[in-house]
N, C-alpha and C. Protein backbone atom coordinates (compact mmCIF):
# COMPACT_ATOMS: atom_id res chain seq x y z
N MET A 1 85.97 126.89 149.53
CA MET A 1 87.22 126.61 150.21
C MET A 1 87.06 126.95 151.69
N ARG A 2 87.64 126.14 152.53
CA ARG A 2 87.51 126.32 153.97
C ARG A 2 88.33 127.50 154.45
N GLN A 3 87.75 128.29 155.33
CA GLN A 3 88.47 129.38 155.99
C GLN A 3 89.01 128.86 157.32
N TRP A 4 90.25 129.12 157.59
CA TRP A 4 90.87 128.65 158.82
C TRP A 4 90.75 129.70 159.89
N ALA A 5 90.41 129.28 161.09
CA ALA A 5 90.37 130.19 162.23
C ALA A 5 91.79 130.55 162.64
N ASP A 6 91.98 131.77 163.08
CA ASP A 6 93.31 132.22 163.48
C ASP A 6 93.89 131.41 164.62
N ASP A 7 93.03 130.84 165.46
CA ASP A 7 93.53 130.11 166.62
C ASP A 7 93.70 128.61 166.37
N GLU A 8 93.50 128.15 165.14
CA GLU A 8 93.71 126.73 164.82
C GLU A 8 95.20 126.44 164.66
N SER A 9 95.62 125.32 165.21
CA SER A 9 97.03 124.93 165.06
C SER A 9 97.24 124.33 163.67
N GLU A 10 98.49 124.21 163.31
CA GLU A 10 98.84 123.59 162.02
C GLU A 10 98.30 122.17 161.94
N GLU A 11 98.38 121.43 163.06
CA GLU A 11 97.88 120.06 163.11
C GLU A 11 96.38 120.01 162.85
N GLU A 12 95.64 120.97 163.39
CA GLU A 12 94.19 121.01 163.16
C GLU A 12 93.85 121.35 161.72
N ARG A 13 94.76 122.01 161.03
CA ARG A 13 94.53 122.39 159.64
C ARG A 13 94.83 121.25 158.66
N MET A 14 95.61 120.28 159.12
CA MET A 14 95.98 119.16 158.26
C MET A 14 94.78 118.25 158.04
N PRO A 15 94.58 117.77 156.82
CA PRO A 15 93.49 116.81 156.59
C PRO A 15 93.72 115.54 157.40
N THR A 16 92.64 114.91 157.78
CA THR A 16 92.75 113.63 158.45
C THR A 16 92.27 112.56 157.49
N GLY A 17 92.50 111.29 157.84
CA GLY A 17 92.18 110.17 156.96
C GLY A 17 90.73 110.12 156.56
N PRO A 18 90.39 109.23 155.72
CA PRO A 18 91.28 108.21 155.16
C PRO A 18 92.22 108.80 154.10
N TRP A 19 93.28 108.07 153.85
CA TRP A 19 94.30 108.48 152.89
C TRP A 19 94.34 107.51 151.72
N PHE A 20 94.78 108.01 150.58
CA PHE A 20 94.84 107.23 149.35
C PHE A 20 96.18 107.49 148.68
N TYR A 21 96.65 106.49 147.92
CA TYR A 21 97.85 106.67 147.10
C TYR A 21 97.39 106.83 145.67
N CYS A 22 97.71 107.96 145.07
CA CYS A 22 97.30 108.25 143.69
C CYS A 22 98.34 107.69 142.73
N LEU A 23 97.91 106.75 141.89
CA LEU A 23 98.80 106.14 140.90
C LEU A 23 99.09 107.08 139.74
N LYS A 24 98.21 108.02 139.51
CA LYS A 24 98.37 108.98 138.41
C LYS A 24 99.46 110.00 138.74
N HIS A 25 99.50 110.45 139.99
CA HIS A 25 100.43 111.49 140.40
C HIS A 25 101.54 110.99 141.32
N ASN A 26 101.49 109.69 141.67
CA ASN A 26 102.49 109.10 142.57
C ASN A 26 102.65 109.90 143.86
N THR A 27 101.50 110.15 144.47
CA THR A 27 101.50 110.91 145.71
C THR A 27 100.36 110.47 146.61
N VAL A 28 100.45 110.84 147.88
CA VAL A 28 99.40 110.54 148.85
C VAL A 28 98.39 111.67 148.84
N GLU A 29 97.11 111.29 148.86
CA GLU A 29 96.04 112.29 148.83
C GLU A 29 95.01 112.00 149.92
N PRO A 30 94.35 113.06 150.39
CA PRO A 30 93.21 112.85 151.29
C PRO A 30 92.00 112.40 150.49
N ARG A 31 90.87 112.25 151.14
CA ARG A 31 89.64 111.78 150.49
C ARG A 31 89.32 112.58 149.22
N ASP A 32 89.47 113.87 149.27
CA ASP A 32 89.14 114.72 148.12
C ASP A 32 90.33 114.80 147.17
N GLY A 33 90.56 113.72 146.47
CA GLY A 33 91.68 113.67 145.54
C GLY A 33 91.20 113.21 144.17
N CYS A 34 92.05 112.52 143.48
CA CYS A 34 91.75 112.01 142.14
C CYS A 34 90.63 110.98 142.18
N ALA A 35 90.17 110.61 141.00
CA ALA A 35 89.12 109.61 140.86
C ALA A 35 89.58 108.27 141.45
N GLU A 36 88.64 107.51 141.97
CA GLU A 36 88.94 106.22 142.61
C GLU A 36 89.75 105.30 141.70
N ARG A 37 89.50 105.32 140.42
CA ARG A 37 90.18 104.40 139.50
C ARG A 37 91.68 104.65 139.43
N HIS A 38 92.14 105.80 139.93
CA HIS A 38 93.56 106.14 139.92
C HIS A 38 94.22 105.96 141.28
N ARG A 39 93.47 105.39 142.25
CA ARG A 39 94.00 105.38 143.61
C ARG A 39 93.99 104.00 144.25
N LEU A 40 94.90 103.83 145.21
CA LEU A 40 94.91 102.66 146.09
C LEU A 40 94.45 103.15 147.46
N GLY A 41 93.72 102.32 148.15
CA GLY A 41 93.28 102.70 149.49
C GLY A 41 91.80 102.45 149.64
N PRO A 42 91.26 102.84 150.73
CA PRO A 42 91.77 103.82 151.69
C PRO A 42 92.70 103.20 152.71
N TYR A 43 93.55 104.05 153.27
CA TYR A 43 94.47 103.69 154.34
C TYR A 43 94.14 104.55 155.55
N ALA A 44 94.33 104.01 156.73
CA ALA A 44 94.00 104.72 157.96
C ALA A 44 94.94 105.89 158.23
N THR A 45 96.20 105.74 157.83
CA THR A 45 97.17 106.80 158.10
C THR A 45 97.87 107.22 156.81
N ARG A 46 98.42 108.40 156.85
CA ARG A 46 99.19 108.91 155.71
C ARG A 46 100.40 108.02 155.46
N GLU A 47 101.04 107.56 156.54
CA GLU A 47 102.23 106.71 156.41
C GLU A 47 101.90 105.40 155.70
N GLU A 48 100.76 104.78 156.04
CA GLU A 48 100.36 103.55 155.35
C GLU A 48 100.18 103.82 153.86
N ALA A 49 99.57 104.93 153.51
CA ALA A 49 99.36 105.27 152.11
C ALA A 49 100.69 105.52 151.40
N GLU A 50 101.65 106.11 152.10
CA GLU A 50 102.97 106.35 151.50
C GLU A 50 103.65 105.05 151.11
N HIS A 51 103.34 103.96 151.80
CA HIS A 51 103.96 102.66 151.54
C HIS A 51 103.04 101.73 150.73
N ALA A 52 102.06 102.29 150.07
CA ALA A 52 101.06 101.50 149.35
C ALA A 52 101.69 100.59 148.29
N LEU A 53 102.60 101.13 147.50
CA LEU A 53 103.18 100.32 146.43
C LEU A 53 104.00 99.15 146.99
N ALA A 54 104.71 99.39 148.08
CA ALA A 54 105.48 98.31 148.71
C ALA A 54 104.54 97.25 149.27
N SER A 55 103.43 97.69 149.85
CA SER A 55 102.45 96.74 150.41
C SER A 55 101.85 95.87 149.31
N VAL A 56 101.52 96.49 148.19
CA VAL A 56 100.96 95.75 147.07
C VAL A 56 101.99 94.74 146.54
N ALA A 57 103.23 95.15 146.41
CA ALA A 57 104.28 94.25 145.92
C ALA A 57 104.48 93.07 146.86
N GLU A 58 104.45 93.33 148.17
CA GLU A 58 104.61 92.25 149.15
C GLU A 58 103.44 91.26 149.07
N ARG A 59 102.23 91.77 148.95
CA ARG A 59 101.06 90.88 148.84
C ARG A 59 101.12 90.07 147.56
N GLU A 60 101.52 90.70 146.47
CA GLU A 60 101.62 89.99 145.19
C GLU A 60 102.67 88.88 145.26
N GLU A 61 103.80 89.18 145.88
CA GLU A 61 104.85 88.16 146.03
C GLU A 61 104.34 86.98 146.86
N LYS A 62 103.63 87.27 147.93
CA LYS A 62 103.07 86.21 148.78
C LYS A 62 102.07 85.36 148.00
N LEU A 63 101.20 86.01 147.23
CA LEU A 63 100.20 85.27 146.46
C LEU A 63 100.85 84.41 145.38
N GLU A 64 101.88 84.93 144.74
CA GLU A 64 102.58 84.15 143.71
C GLU A 64 103.24 82.92 144.33
N GLU A 65 103.81 83.08 145.52
CA GLU A 65 104.43 81.94 146.21
C GLU A 65 103.37 80.90 146.56
N GLU A 66 102.22 81.35 147.04
CA GLU A 66 101.13 80.42 147.36
C GLU A 66 100.66 79.69 146.10
N ASP A 67 100.60 80.39 144.97
CA ASP A 67 100.22 79.75 143.72
C ASP A 67 101.23 78.69 143.30
N ARG A 68 102.51 79.01 143.45
CA ARG A 68 103.55 78.03 143.10
C ARG A 68 103.44 76.79 143.96
N GLN A 69 103.20 76.97 145.25
CA GLN A 69 103.04 75.82 146.15
C GLN A 69 101.81 75.01 145.79
N TRP A 70 100.73 75.68 145.47
CA TRP A 70 99.49 74.99 145.11
C TRP A 70 99.66 74.20 143.83
N GLU A 71 100.33 74.79 142.83
CA GLU A 71 100.56 74.11 141.55
C GLU A 71 101.52 72.93 141.70
N ALA A 72 102.41 72.98 142.67
CA ALA A 72 103.37 71.90 142.89
C ALA A 72 102.72 70.68 143.54
N ASP A 73 101.61 70.89 144.23
CA ASP A 73 100.92 69.77 144.92
C ASP A 73 100.23 68.85 143.97
């Protein structure tokens, strides 16, 4: 486990990216998290990872619409 220096700020103590969204625990994790099979990502920022499920839903909706248009042609 890492020892923190007394003069490190809280920001310096926070993990930095990449970030992942854990489907098993429904939470955002840094690189050292659950197994890859349980995660979405990597994401550059914690905020992007927090919105992972919404991003996936938006992409899926777009792909389904493209499929409907393709099948209609």
